Amino acid sequence: MKRETLFNYARDTFNAKPEYLWSTFPEYAVLRHHDGKKWFAVVMNVPGTKLGLNTDDVIDVLAVKVRPEHSGSLRKKEGILPAYHMNKEHWISVILAGPLSDEEIYDLLSESHALTTG
């Protein structure tokens, strides 16, 4: 999945547009609830080695919140890793160009949106 596809889905489904908050990481984008407060996702481009992969290639990942009781089983799936720079019990990183289907990524994004409401 490309970033633009994800961002279009977030805009159309949640009225969320990417926000680029860090000048030192200009490609990192957060997606917030429409009230502008809580994040429900972060898109980052990270060297694979920082994700525990055997590559220096820069990889687009989506960090989303999941139920703690599901995080372990989700991380067993190819393309899902422990969260990068987030609480690893509650968040996971999804490789956007990985093996997960668009629908699977949309489901994880929707779950994260629901879990961060309120």
PDB file of N, CA and C in Angstrom:
ATOM      1  N   MET A   1       0.850  -1.176   0.000  1.00  0.00           N
ATOM      2  CA  MET A   1       0.000   0.000   0.000  1.00  0.00           C
ATOM      3  C   MET A   1       0.891   1.233   0.000  1.00  0.00           C
ATOM      4  N   LYS A   2       0.507   2.210  -0.739  1.00  0.00           N
ATOM      5  CA  LYS A   2       1.235   3.480  -0.759  1.00  0.00           C
ATOM      6  C   LYS A   2       0.669   4.420   0.300  1.00  0.00           C
ATOM      7  N   ARG A   3       1.516   5.317   0.762  1.00  0.00           N
ATOM      8  CA  ARG A   3       1.085   6.315   1.752  1.00  0.00           C
ATOM      9  C   ARG A   3      -0.165   7.056   1.289  1.00  0.00           C
ATOM     10  N   GLU A   4      -0.158   7.476   0.021  1.00  0.00           N
ATOM     11  CA  GLU A   4      -1.276   8.272  -0.504  1.00  0.00           C
ATOM     12  C   GLU A   4      -2.587   7.508  -0.409  1.00  0.00           C
ATOM     13  N   THR A   5      -2.548   6.209  -0.669  1.00  0.00           N
ATOM     14  CA  THR A   5      -3.746   5.382  -0.570  1.00  0.00           C
ATOM     15  C   THR A   5      -4.250   5.358   0.863  1.00  0.00           C
ATOM     16  N   LEU A   6      -3.340   5.179   1.806  1.00  0.00           N
ATOM     17  CA  LEU A   6      -3.701   5.174   3.221  1.00  0.00           C
ATOM     18  C   LEU A   6      -4.266   6.531   3.640  1.00  0.00           C
ATOM     19  N   PHE A   7      -3.598   7.594   3.235  1.00  0.00           N
ATOM     20  CA  PHE A   7      -4.049   8.933   3.614  1.00  0.00           C
ATOM     21  C   PHE A   7      -5.417   9.251   3.000  1.00  0.00           C
ATOM     22  N   ASN A   8      -5.661   8.822   1.776  1.00  0.00           N
ATOM     23  CA  ASN A   8      -6.978   9.032   1.163  1.00  0.00           C
ATOM     24  C   ASN A   8      -8.060   8.292   1.934  1.00  0.00           C
ATOM     25  N   TYR A   9      -7.765   7.066   2.330  1.00  0.00           N
ATOM     26  CA  TYR A   9      -8.721   6.290   3.116  1.00  0.00           C
ATOM     27  C   TYR A   9      -9.000   6.986   4.453  1.00  0.00           C
ATOM     28  N   ALA A  10      -7.959   7.439   5.133  1.00  0.00           N
ATOM     29  CA  ALA A  10      -8.123   8.120   6.427  1.00  0.00           C
ATOM     30  C   ALA A  10      -8.945   9.398   6.274  1.00  0.00           C
ATOM     31  N   ARG A  11      -8.701  10.119   5.205  1.00  0.00           N
ATOM     32  CA  ARG A  11      -9.473  11.347   4.962  1.00  0.00           C
ATOM     33  C   ARG A  11     -10.940  11.012   4.709  1.00  0.00           C
ATOM     34  N   ASP A  12     -11.196  10.052   3.839  1.00  0.00           N
ATOM     35  CA  ASP A  12     -12.565   9.716   3.462  1.00  0.00           C
ATOM     36  C   ASP A  12     -13.333   9.034   4.587  1.00  0.00           C
ATOM     37  N   THR A  13     -12.656   8.242   5.395  1.00  0.00           N
ATOM     38  CA  THR A  13     -13.321   7.456   6.438  1.00  0.00           C
ATOM     39  C   THR A  13     -13.389   8.174   7.778  1.00  0.00           C
ATOM     40  N   PHE A  14     -12.331   8.879   8.146  1.00  0.00           N
ATOM     41  CA  PHE A  14     -12.240   9.467   9.482  1.00  0.00           C
ATOM     42  C   PHE A  14     -12.099  10.991   9.476  1.00  0.00           C
ATOM     43  N   ASN A  15     -12.112  11.585   8.295  1.00  0.00           N
ATOM     44  CA  ASN A  15     -11.891  13.028   8.167  1.00  0.00           C
ATOM     45  C   ASN A  15     -10.555  13.429   8.794  1.00  0.00           C
ATOM     46  N   ALA A  16      -9.550  12.602   8.572  1.00  0.00           N
ATOM     47  CA  ALA A  16      -8.217  12.839   9.141  1.00  0.00           C
ATOM     48  C   ALA A  16      -7.218  13.064   8.015  1.00  0.00           C
ATOM     49  N   LYS A  17      -6.460  14.126   8.145  1.00  0.00           N
ATOM     50  CA  LYS A  17      -5.412  14.434   7.168  1.00  0.00           C
ATOM     51  C   LYS A  17      -4.056  14.296   7.856  1.00  0.00           C
ATOM     52  N   PRO A  18      -3.043  13.884   7.110  1.00  0.00           N
ATOM     53  CA  PRO A  18      -1.728  13.732   7.738  1.00  0.00           C
ATOM     54  C   PRO A  18      -1.172  15.064   8.219  1.00  0.00           C
ATOM     55  N   GLU A  19      -0.579  15.034   9.386  1.00  0.00           N
ATOM     56  CA  GLU A  19       0.098  16.202   9.948  1.00  0.00           C
ATOM     57  C   GLU A  19       1.574  15.861  10.096  1.00  0.00           C
ATOM     58  N   TYR A  20       2.409  16.746   9.610  1.00  0.00           N
ATOM     59  CA  TYR A  20       3.862  16.551   9.665  1.00  0.00           C
ATOM     60  C   TYR A  20       4.396  17.462  10.766  1.00  0.00           C
ATOM     61  N   LEU A  21       4.723  16.876  11.903  1.00  0.00           N
ATOM     62  CA  LEU A  21       5.001  17.646  13.111  1.00  0.00           C
ATOM     63  C   LEU A  21       6.471  17.904  13.393  1.00  0.00           C
ATOM     64  N   TRP A  22       7.365  17.108  12.808  1.00  0.00           N
ATOM     65  CA  TRP A  22       8.764  17.172  13.212  1.00  0.00           C
ATOM     66  C   TRP A  22       9.658  17.585  12.051  1.00  0.00           C
ATOM     67  N   SER A  23      10.365  18.684  12.203  1.00  0.00           N
ATOM     68  CA  SER A  23      11.267  19.134  11.144  1.00  0.00           C
ATOM     69  C   SER A  23      12.437  18.160  10.959  1.00  0.00           C
ATOM     70  N   THR A  24      12.835  17.475  12.024  1.00  0.00           N
ATOM     71  CA  THR A  24      13.934  16.512  11.904  1.00  0.00           C
ATOM     72  C   THR A  24      13.490  15.199  11.239  1.00  0.00           C
ATOM     73  N   PHE A  25      12.186  14.967  11.177  1.00  0.00           N
ATOM     74  CA  PHE A  25      11.616  13.784  10.511  1.00  0.00           C
ATOM     75  C   PHE A  25      10.484  14.239   9.592  1.00  0.00           C
ATOM     76  N   PRO A  26      10.824  14.908   8.508  1.00  0.00           N
ATOM     77  CA  PRO A  26       9.801  15.553   7.670  1.00  0.00           C
ATOM     78  C   PRO A  26       8.832  14.587   6.992  1.00  0.00           C
ATOM     79  N   GLU A  27       9.142  13.305   6.942  1.00  0.00           N
ATOM     80  CA  GLU A  27       8.239  12.339   6.297  1.00  0.00           C
ATOM     81  C   GLU A  27       7.360  11.598   7.303  1.00  0.00           C
ATOM     82  N   TYR A  28       7.554  11.842   8.593  1.00  0.00           N
ATOM     83  CA  TYR A  28       6.708  11.225   9.614  1.00  0.00           C
ATOM     84  C   TYR A  28       5.399  12.003   9.670  1.00  0.00           C
ATOM     85  N   ALA A  29       4.280  11.288   9.612  1.00  0.00           N
ATOM     86  CA  ALA A  29       2.965  11.935   9.634  1.00  0.00           C
ATOM     87  C   ALA A  29       2.080  11.263  10.684  1.00  0.00           C
ATOM     88  N   VAL A  30       1.348  12.075  11.419  1.00  0.00           N
ATOM     89  CA  VAL A  30       0.373  11.538  12.372  1.00  0.00           C
ATOM     90  C   VAL A  30      -1.022  11.721  11.799  1.00  0.00           C
ATOM     91  N   LEU A  31      -1.905  10.813  12.184  1.00  0.00           N
ATOM     92  CA  LEU A  31      -3.327  10.938  11.871  1.00  0.00           C
ATOM     93  C   LEU A  31      -4.046  11.087  13.199  1.00  0.00           C
ATOM     94  N   ARG A  32      -4.844  12.147  13.284  1.00  0.00           N
ATOM     95  CA  ARG A  32      -5.555  12.446  14.535  1.00  0.00           C
ATOM     96  C   ARG A  32      -7.057  12.307  14.337  1.00  0.00           C
ATOM     97  N   HIS A  33      -7.733  12.174  15.453  1.00  0.00           N
ATOM     98  CA  HIS A  33      -9.192  12.233  15.431  1.00  0.00           C
ATOM     99  C   HIS A  33      -9.624  13.618  14.955  1.00  0.00           C
ATOM    100  N   HIS A  34     -10.806  13.684  14.406  1.00  0.00           N
ATOM    101  CA  HIS A  34     -11.265  14.954  13.813  1.00  0.00           C
ATOM    102  C   HIS A  34     -11.309  16.102  14.805  1.00  0.00           C
ATOM    103  N   ASP A  35     -11.354  15.805  16.109  1.00  0.00           N
ATOM    104  CA  ASP A  35     -11.330  16.892  17.096  1.00  0.00           C
ATOM    105  C   ASP A  35      -9.923  17.439  17.303  1.00  0.00           C
ATOM    106  N   GLY A  36      -8.941  16.840  16.621  1.00  0.00           N
ATOM    107  CA  GLY A  36      -7.579  17.362  16.632  1.00  0.00           C
ATOM    108  C   GLY A  36      -6.751  17.005  17.838  1.00  0.00           C
ATOM    109  N   LYS A  37      -7.213  16.086  18.654  1.00  0.00           N
ATOM    110  CA  LYS A  37      -6.471  15.775  19.864  1.00  0.00           C
ATOM    111  C   LYS A  37      -5.663  14.489  19.732  1.00  0.00           C
ATOM    112  N   LYS A  38      -6.281  13.362  19.932  1.00  0.00           N
ATOM    113  CA  LYS A  38      -5.542  12.099  20.004  1.00  0.00           C
ATOM    114  C   LYS A  38      -5.131  11.571  18.634  1.00  0.00           C
ATOM    115  N   TRP A  39      -3.931  11.022  18.606  1.00  0.00           N
ATOM    116  CA  TRP A  39      -3.456  10.326  17.408  1.00  0.00           C
ATOM    117  C   TRP A  39      -4.086   8.946  17.381  1.00  0.00           C
ATOM    118  N   PHE A  40      -4.350   8.450  16.182  1.00  0.00           N
ATOM    119  CA  PHE A  40      -4.734   7.050  16.066  1.00  0.00           C
ATOM    120  C   PHE A  40      -3.786   6.289  15.152  1.00  0.00           C
ATOM    121  N   ALA A  41      -2.853   7.015  14.526  1.00  0.00           N
ATOM    122  CA  ALA A  41      -1.866   6.354  13.675  1.00  0.00           C
ATOM    123  C   ALA A  41      -0.690   7.278  13.416  1.00  0.00           C
ATOM    124  N   VAL A  42       0.449   6.668  13.142  1.00  0.00           N
ATOM    125  CA  VAL A  42       1.647   7.400  12.741  1.00  0.00           C
ATOM    126  C   VAL A  42       2.257   6.650  11.557  1.00  0.00           C
ATOM    127  N   VAL A  43       2.594   7.392  10.510  1.00  0.00           N
ATOM    128  CA  VAL A  43       3.280   6.811   9.361  1.00  0.00           C
ATOM    129  C   VAL A  43       4.710   7.325   9.391  1.00  0.00           C
ATOM    130  N   MET A  44       5.663   6.383   9.317  1.00  0.00           N
ATOM    131  CA  MET A  44       7.083   6.737   9.406  1.00  0.00           C
ATOM    132  C   MET A  44       7.859   6.008   8.319  1.00  0.00           C
ATOM    133  N   ASN A  45       8.968   6.578   7.947  1.00  0.00           N
ATOM    134  CA  ASN A  45       9.915   5.870   7.081  1.00  0.00           C
ATOM    135  C   ASN A  45      11.159   5.612   7.925  1.00  0.00           C
ATOM    136  N   VAL A  46      11.464   4.325   8.109  1.00  0.00           N
ATOM    137  CA  VAL A  46      12.464   3.894   9.083  1.00  0.00           C
ATOM    138  C   VAL A  46      13.415   2.893   8.423  1.00  0.00           C
ATOM    139  N   PRO A  47      14.718   3.004   8.691  1.00  0.00           N
ATOM    140  CA  PRO A  47      15.630   1.962   8.197  1.00  0.00           C
ATOM    141  C   PRO A  47      15.230   0.601   8.761  1.00  0.00           C
ATOM    142  N   GLY A  48      15.253  -0.393   7.918  1.00  0.00           N
ATOM    143  CA  GLY A  48      14.850  -1.726   8.339  1.00  0.00           C
ATOM    144  C   GLY A  48      15.573  -2.235   9.568  1.00  0.00           C
ATOM    145  N   THR A  49      16.847  -1.881   9.717  1.00  0.00           N
ATOM    146  CA  THR A  49      17.616  -2.347  10.878  1.00  0.00           C
ATOM    147  C   THR A  49      17.021  -1.848  12.189  1.00  0.00           C
ATOM    148  N   LYS A  50      16.392  -0.682  12.182  1.00  0.00           N
ATOM    149  CA  LYS A  50      15.764  -0.152  13.403  1.00  0.00           C
ATOM    150  C   LYS A  50      14.491  -0.901  13.751  1.00  0.00           C
ATOM    151  N   LEU A  51      13.981  -1.656  12.775  1.00  0.00           N
ATOM    152  CA  LEU A  51      12.780  -2.458  12.995  1.00  0.00           C
ATOM    153  C   LEU A  51      13.121  -3.911  13.298  1.00  0.00           C
ATOM    154  N   GLY A  52      14.424  -4.209  13.351  1.00  0.00           N
ATOM    155  CA  GLY A  52      14.864  -5.574  13.585  1.00  0.00           C
ATOM    156  C   GLY A  52      14.972  -6.406  12.319  1.00  0.00           C
ATOM    157  N   LEU A  53      14.943  -5.746  11.167  1.00  0.00           N
ATOM    158  CA  LEU A  53      15.061  -6.440   9.889  1.00  0.00           C
ATOM    159  C   LEU A  53      16.508  -6.430   9.422  1.00  0.00           C
ATOM    160  N   ASN A  54      16.824  -7.296   8.525  1.00  0.00           N
ATOM    161  CA  ASN A  54      18.195  -7.433   8.027  1.00  0.00           C
ATOM    162  C   ASN A  54      18.385  -6.611   6.757  1.00  0.00           C
ATOM    163  N   THR A  55      18.052  -5.321   6.821  1.00  0.00           N
ATOM    164  CA  THR A  55      18.228  -4.430   5.675  1.00  0.00           C
ATOM    165  C   THR A  55      18.373  -2.992   6.155  1.00  0.00           C
ATOM    166  N   ASP A  56      19.167  -2.229   5.417  1.00  0.00           N
ATOM    167  CA  ASP A  56      19.296  -0.802   5.696  1.00  0.00           C
ATOM    168  C   ASP A  56      18.290   0.009   4.870  1.00  0.00           C
ATOM    169  N   ASP A  57      17.539  -0.660   3.988  1.00  0.00           N
ATOM    170  CA  ASP A  57      16.548   0.045   3.173  1.00  0.00           C
ATOM    171  C   ASP A  57      15.558   0.761   4.074  1.00  0.00           C
ATOM    172  N   VAL A  58      15.137   1.936   3.646  1.00  0.00           N
ATOM    173  CA  VAL A  58      14.138   2.700   4.388  1.00  0.00           C
ATOM    174  C   VAL A  58      12.755   2.158   4.023  1.00  0.00           C
ATOM    175  N   ILE A  59      11.961   1.881   5.048  1.00  0.00           N
ATOM    176  CA  ILE A  59      10.673   1.217   4.888  1.00  0.00           C
ATOM    177  C   ILE A  59       9.578   2.094   5.484  1.00  0.00           C
ATOM    178  N   ASP A  60       8.463   2.250   4.744  1.00  0.00           N
ATOM    179  CA  ASP A  60       7.302   2.945   5.287  1.00  0.00           C
ATOM    180  C   ASP A  60       6.538   2.009   6.198  1.00  0.00           C
ATOM    181  N   VAL A  61       6.302   2.453   7.432  1.00  0.00           N
ATOM    182  CA  VAL A  61       5.516   1.672   8.382  1.00  0.00           C
ATOM    183  C   VAL A  61       4.390   2.519   8.939  1.00  0.00           C
ATOM    184  N   LEU A  62       3.340   1.830   9.307  1.00  0.00           N
ATOM    185  CA  LEU A  62       2.183   2.441   9.949  1.00  0.00           C
ATOM    186  C   LEU A  62       2.125   1.920  11.371  1.00  0.00           C
ATOM    187  N   ALA A  63       2.159   2.819  12.352  1.00  0.00           N
ATOM    188  CA  ALA A  63       2.008   2.426  13.752  1.00  0.00           C
ATOM    189  C   ALA A  63       0.550   2.637  14.137  1.00  0.00           C
ATOM    190  N   VAL A  64      -0.074   1.575  14.665  1.00  0.00           N
ATOM    191  CA  VAL A  64      -1.472   1.647  15.093  1.00  0.00           C
ATOM    192  C   VAL A  64      -1.620   1.010  16.463  1.00  0.00           C
ATOM    193  N   LYS A  65      -2.641   1.449  17.174  1.00  0.00           N
ATOM    194  CA  LYS A  65      -2.927   0.889  18.491  1.00  0.00           C
ATOM    195  C   LYS A  65      -3.792  -0.353  18.315  1.00  0.00           C
ATOM    196  N   VAL A  66      -3.493  -1.374  19.123  1.00  0.00           N
ATOM    197  CA  VAL A  66      -4.264  -2.613  19.112  1.00  0.00           C
ATOM    198  C   VAL A  66      -4.563  -3.011  20.559  1.00  0.00           C
ATOM    199  N   ARG A  67      -5.498  -3.911  20.701  1.00  0.00           N
ATOM    200  CA  ARG A  67      -5.781  -4.437  22.043  1.00  0.00           C
ATOM    201  C   ARG A  67      -4.553  -5.223  22.518  1.00  0.00           C
ATOM    202  N   PRO A  68      -4.130  -5.025  23.764  1.00  0.00           N
ATOM    203  CA  PRO A  68      -2.935  -5.721  24.256  1.00  0.00           C
ATOM    204  C   PRO A  68      -3.025  -7.238  24.101  1.00  0.00           C
ATOM    205  N   GLU A  69      -4.220  -7.785  24.267  1.00  0.00           N
ATOM    206  CA  GLU A  69      -4.361  -9.233  24.153  1.00  0.00           C
ATOM    207  C   GLU A  69      -4.211  -9.738  22.712  1.00  0.00           C
ATOM    208  N   HIS A  70      -4.219  -8.824  21.743  1.00  0.00           N
ATOM    209  CA  HIS A  70      -4.044  -9.203  20.341  1.00  0.00           C
ATOM    210  C   HIS A  70      -2.651  -8.897  19.803  1.00  0.00           C
ATOM    211  N   SER A  71      -1.882  -8.078  20.502  1.00  0.00           N
ATOM    212  CA  SER A  71      -0.602  -7.619  19.949  1.00  0.00           C
ATOM    213  C   SER A  71       0.366  -8.776  19.691  1.00  0.00           C
ATOM    214  N   GLY A  72       0.434  -9.743  20.587  1.00  0.00           N
ATOM    215  CA  GLY A  72       1.358 -10.861  20.411  1.00  0.00           C
ATOM    216  C   GLY A  72       1.018 -11.710  19.196  1.00  0.00           C
ATOM    217  N   SER A  73      -0.249 -12.034  19.035  1.00  0.00           N
ATOM    218  CA  SER A  73      -0.634 -12.859  17.885  1.00  0.00           C
ATOM    219  C   SER A  73      -0.511 -12.078  16.581  1.00  0.00           C
ATOM    220  N   LEU A  74      -0.791 -10.791  16.607  1.00  0.00           N
ATOM    221  CA  LEU A  74      -0.632  -9.982  15.396  1.00  0.00           C
ATOM    222  C   LEU A  74       0.826  -9.928  14.962  1.00  0.00           C
ATOM    223  N   ARG A  75       1.743  -9.813  15.926  1.00  0.00           N
ATOM    224  CA  ARG A  75       3.167  -9.732  15.587  1.00  0.00           C
ATOM    225  C   ARG A  75       3.712 -11.030  15.004  1.00  0.00           C
ATOM    226  N   LYS A  76       2.964 -12.103  15.086  1.00  0.00           N
ATOM    227  CA  LYS A  76       3.376 -13.355  14.463  1.00  0.00           C
ATOM    228  C   LYS A  76       3.114 -13.363  12.963  1.00  0.00           C
ATOM    229  N   LYS A  77       2.287 -12.408  12.508  1.00  0.00           N
ATOM    230  CA  LYS A  77       1.987 -12.316  11.078  1.00  0.00           C
ATOM    231  C   LYS A  77       3.137 -11.633  10.349  1.00  0.00           C
ATOM    232  N   GLU A  78       3.423 -12.110   9.159  1.00  0.00           N
ATOM    233  CA  GLU A  78       4.438 -11.472   8.337  1.00  0.00           C
ATOM    234  C   GLU A  78       3.968 -10.055   7.995  1.00  0.00           C
ATOM    235  N   GLY A  79       4.870  -9.082   8.143  1.00  0.00           N
ATOM    236  CA  GLY A  79       4.543  -7.693   7.833  1.00  0.00           C
ATOM    237  C   GLY A  79       4.111  -6.879   9.033  1.00  0.00           C
ATOM    238  N   ILE A  80       3.981  -7.530  10.198  1.00  0.00           N
ATOM    239  CA  ILE A  80       3.628  -6.824  11.434  1.00  0.00           C
ATOM    240  C   ILE A  80       4.767  -7.009  12.420  1.00  0.00           C
ATOM    241  N   LEU A  81       5.218  -5.900  12.978  1.00  0.00           N
ATOM    242  CA  LEU A  81       6.385  -5.879  13.867  1.00  0.00           C
ATOM    243  C   LEU A  81       6.037  -5.180  15.171  1.00  0.00           C
ATOM    244  N   PRO A  82       6.877  -5.345  16.199  1.00  0.00           N
ATOM    245  CA  PRO A  82       6.689  -4.528  17.401  1.00  0.00           C
ATOM    246  C   PRO A  82       6.730  -3.043  17.025  1.00  0.00           C
ATOM    247  N   ALA A  83       6.009  -2.261  17.751  1.00  0.00           N
ATOM    248  CA  ALA A  83       5.919  -0.831  17.441  1.00  0.00           C
ATOM    249  C   ALA A  83       7.286  -0.165  17.488  1.00  0.00           C
ATOM    250  N   TYR A  84       7.501   0.736  16.564  1.00  0.00           N
ATOM    251  CA  TYR A  84       8.710   1.543  16.551  1.00  0.00           C
ATOM    252  C   TYR A  84       8.389   2.846  17.270  1.00  0.00           C
ATOM    253  N   HIS A  85       9.099   3.136  18.331  1.00  0.00           N
ATOM    254  CA  HIS A  85       8.952   4.364  19.125  1.00  0.00           C
ATOM    255  C   HIS A  85       7.577   4.518  19.759  1.00  0.00           C
ATOM    256  N   MET A  86       6.905   3.413  20.039  1.00  0.00           N
ATOM    257  CA  MET A  86       5.608   3.467  20.715  1.00  0.00           C
ATOM    258  C   MET A  86       5.595   2.322  21.740  1.00  0.00           C
ATOM    259  N   ASN A  87       4.599   2.327  22.618  1.00  0.00           N
ATOM    260  CA  ASN A  87       4.425   1.279  23.601  1.00  0.00           C
ATOM    261  C   ASN A  87       4.189  -0.050  22.876  1.00  0.00           C
ATOM    262  N   LYS A  88       5.064  -1.009  23.075  1.00  0.00           N
ATOM    263  CA  LYS A  88       5.018  -2.258  22.314  1.00  0.00           C
ATOM    264  C   LYS A  88       3.905  -3.199  22.763  1.00  0.00           C
ATOM    265  N   GLU A  89       3.304  -2.941  23.902  1.00  0.00           N
ATOM    266  CA  GLU A  89       2.178  -3.756  24.345  1.00  0.00           C
ATOM    267  C   GLU A  89       0.896  -3.317  23.648  1.00  0.00           C
ATOM    268  N   HIS A  90       0.786  -2.030  23.369  1.00  0.00           N
ATOM    269  CA  HIS A  90      -0.453  -1.474  22.830  1.00  0.00           C
ATOM    270  C   HIS A  90      -0.374  -1.074  21.362  1.00  0.00           C
ATOM    271  N   TRP A  91       0.817  -0.996  20.797  1.00  0.00           N
ATOM    272  CA  TRP A  91       0.985  -0.530  19.422  1.00  0.00           C
ATOM    273  C   TRP A  91       1.804  -1.536  18.613  1.00  0.00           C
ATOM    274  N   ILE A  92       1.528  -1.576  17.326  1.00  0.00           N
ATOM    275  CA  ILE A  92       2.299  -2.401  16.395  1.00  0.00           C
ATOM    276  C   ILE A  92       2.721  -1.536  15.213  1.00  0.00           C
ATOM    277  N   SER A  93       3.720  -2.007  14.492  1.00  0.00           N
ATOM    278  CA  SER A  93       4.124  -1.375  13.233  1.00  0.00           C
ATOM    279  C   SER A  93       3.761  -2.320  12.094  1.00  0.00           C
ATOM    280  N   VAL A  94       3.147  -1.773  11.074  1.00  0.00           N
ATOM    281  CA  VAL A  94       2.734  -2.526   9.902  1.00  0.00           C
ATOM    282  C   VAL A  94       3.563  -2.032   8.722  1.00  0.00           C
ATOM    283  N   ILE A  95       4.231  -2.954   8.026  1.00  0.00           N
ATOM    284  CA  ILE A  95       4.989  -2.581   6.832  1.00  0.00           C
ATOM    285  C   ILE A  95       3.985  -2.311   5.717  1.00  0.00           C
ATOM    286  N   LEU A  96       3.942  -1.060   5.241  1.00  0.00           N
ATOM    287  CA  LEU A  96       2.927  -0.693   4.249  1.00  0.00           C
ATOM    288  C   LEU A  96       3.085  -1.463   2.940  1.00  0.00           C
ATOM    289  N   ALA A  97       4.306  -1.719   2.519  1.00  0.00           N
ATOM    290  CA  ALA A  97       4.525  -2.453   1.266  1.00  0.00           C
ATOM    291  C   ALA A  97       4.687  -3.948   1.524  1.00  0.00           C
ATOM    292  N   GLY A  98       4.199  -4.399   2.670  1.00  0.00           N
ATOM    293  CA  GLY A  98       4.338  -5.799   3.043  1.00  0.00           C
ATOM    294  C   GLY A  98       3.207  -6.661   2.510  1.00  0.00           C
ATOM    295  N   PRO A  99       3.087  -7.846   3.076  1.00  0.00           N
ATOM    296  CA  PRO A  99       2.136  -8.823   2.556  1.00  0.00           C
ATOM    297  C   PRO A  99       0.678  -8.610   2.958  1.00  0.00           C
ATOM    298  N   LEU A 100       0.406  -7.702   3.899  1.00  0.00           N
ATOM    299  CA  LEU A 100      -0.980  -7.495   4.309  1.00  0.00           C
ATOM    300  C   LEU A 100      -1.778  -6.831   3.182  1.00  0.00           C
ATOM    301  N   SER A 101      -3.022  -7.227   3.058  1.00  0.00           N
ATOM    302  CA  SER A 101      -3.898  -6.627   2.054  1.00  0.00           C
ATOM    303  C   SER A 101      -4.320  -5.228   2.511  1.00  0.00           C
ATOM    304  N   ASP A 102      -4.796  -4.449   1.569  1.00  0.00           N
ATOM    305  CA  ASP A 102      -5.311  -3.121   1.917  1.00  0.00           C
ATOM    306  C   ASP A 102      -6.413  -3.245   2.967  1.00  0.00           C
ATOM    307  N   GLU A 103      -7.297  -4.224   2.801  1.00  0.00           N
ATOM    308  CA  GLU A 103      -8.405  -4.403   3.748  1.00  0.00           C
ATOM    309  C   GLU A 103      -7.896  -4.711   5.154  1.00  0.00           C
ATOM    310  N   GLU A 104      -6.864  -5.531   5.262  1.00  0.00           N
ATOM    311  CA  GLU A 104      -6.305  -5.839   6.577  1.00  0.00           C
ATOM    312  C   GLU A 104      -5.726  -4.583   7.222  1.00  0.00           C
ATOM    313  N   ILE A 105      -5.056  -3.769   6.436  1.00  0.00           N
ATOM    314  CA  ILE A 105      -4.489  -2.515   6.960  1.00  0.00           C
ATOM    315  C   ILE A 105      -5.607  -1.562   7.356  1.00  0.00           C
ATOM    316  N   TYR A 106      -6.649  -1.462   6.533  1.00  0.00           N
ATOM    317  CA  TYR A 106      -7.786  -0.604   6.876  1.00  0.00           C
ATOM    318  C   TYR A 106      -8.457  -1.072   8.163  1.00  0.00           C
ATOM    319  N   ASP A 107      -8.575  -2.383   8.355  1.00  0.00           N
ATOM    320  CA  ASP A 107      -9.175  -2.911   9.585  1.00  0.00           C
ATOM    321  C   ASP A 107      -8.345  -2.528  10.807  1.00  0.00           C
ATOM    322  N   LEU A 108      -7.020  -2.645  10.692  1.00  0.00           N
ATOM    323  CA  LEU A 108      -6.153  -2.258  11.807  1.00  0.00           C
ATOM    324  C   LEU A 108      -6.243  -0.763  12.087  1.00  0.00           C
ATOM    325  N   LEU A 109      -6.320   0.039  11.029  1.00  0.00           N
ATOM    326  CA  LEU A 109      -6.460   1.486  11.202  1.00  0.00           C
ATOM    327  C   LEU A 109      -7.790   1.822  11.876  1.00  0.00           C
ATOM    328  N   SER A 110      -8.855   1.153  11.465  1.00  0.00           N
ATOM    329  CA  SER A 110     -10.177   1.377  12.065  1.00  0.00           C
ATOM    330  C   SER A 110     -10.195   0.971  13.536  1.00  0.00           C
ATOM    331  N   GLU A 111      -9.556  -0.152  13.842  1.00  0.00           N
ATOM    332  CA  GLU A 111      -9.492  -0.577  15.243  1.00  0.00           C
ATOM    333  C   GLU A 111      -8.726   0.446  16.081  1.00  0.00           C
ATOM    334  N   SER A 112      -7.610   0.948  15.546  1.00  0.00           N
ATOM    335  CA  SER A 112      -6.837   1.944  16.255  1.00  0.00           C
ATOM    336  C   SER A 112      -7.661   3.207  16.483  1.00  0.00           C
ATOM    337  N   HIS A 113      -8.404   3.602  15.478  1.00  0.00           N
ATOM    338  CA  HIS A 113      -9.269   4.782  15.599  1.00  0.00           C
ATOM    339  C   HIS A 113     -10.271   4.562  16.733  1.00  0.00           C
ATOM    340  N   ALA A 114     -10.901   3.396  16.771  1.00  0.00           N
ATOM    341  CA  ALA A 114     -11.890   3.091  17.816  1.00  0.00           C
ATOM    342  C   ALA A 114     -11.247   3.044  19.202  1.00  0.00           C
ATOM    343  N   LEU A 115     -10.063   2.465  19.299  1.00  0.00           N
ATOM    344  CA  LEU A 115      -9.387   2.330  20.590  1.00  0.00           C
ATOM    345  C   LEU A 115      -8.894   3.657  21.147  1.00  0.00           C
ATOM    346  N   THR A 116      -8.703   4.639  20.310  1.00  0.00           N
ATOM    347  CA  THR A 116      -8.178   5.933  20.770  1.00  0.00           C
ATOM    348  C   THR A 116      -9.255   7.003  20.861  1.00  0.00           C
ATOM    349  N   THR A 117     -10.491   6.621  20.669  1.00  0.00           N
ATOM    350  CA  THR A 117     -11.601   7.577  20.784  1.00  0.00           C
ATOM    351  C   THR A 117     -11.834   7.896  22.247  1.00  0.00           C
ATOM    352  N   GLY A 118     -12.084   9.165  22.517  1.00  0.00           N
ATOM    353  CA  GLY A 118     -12.449   9.560  23.871  1.00  0.00           C
ATOM    354  C   GLY A 118     -11.339  10.007  24.739  1.00  0.00           C
TER     355      GLY A 118
END
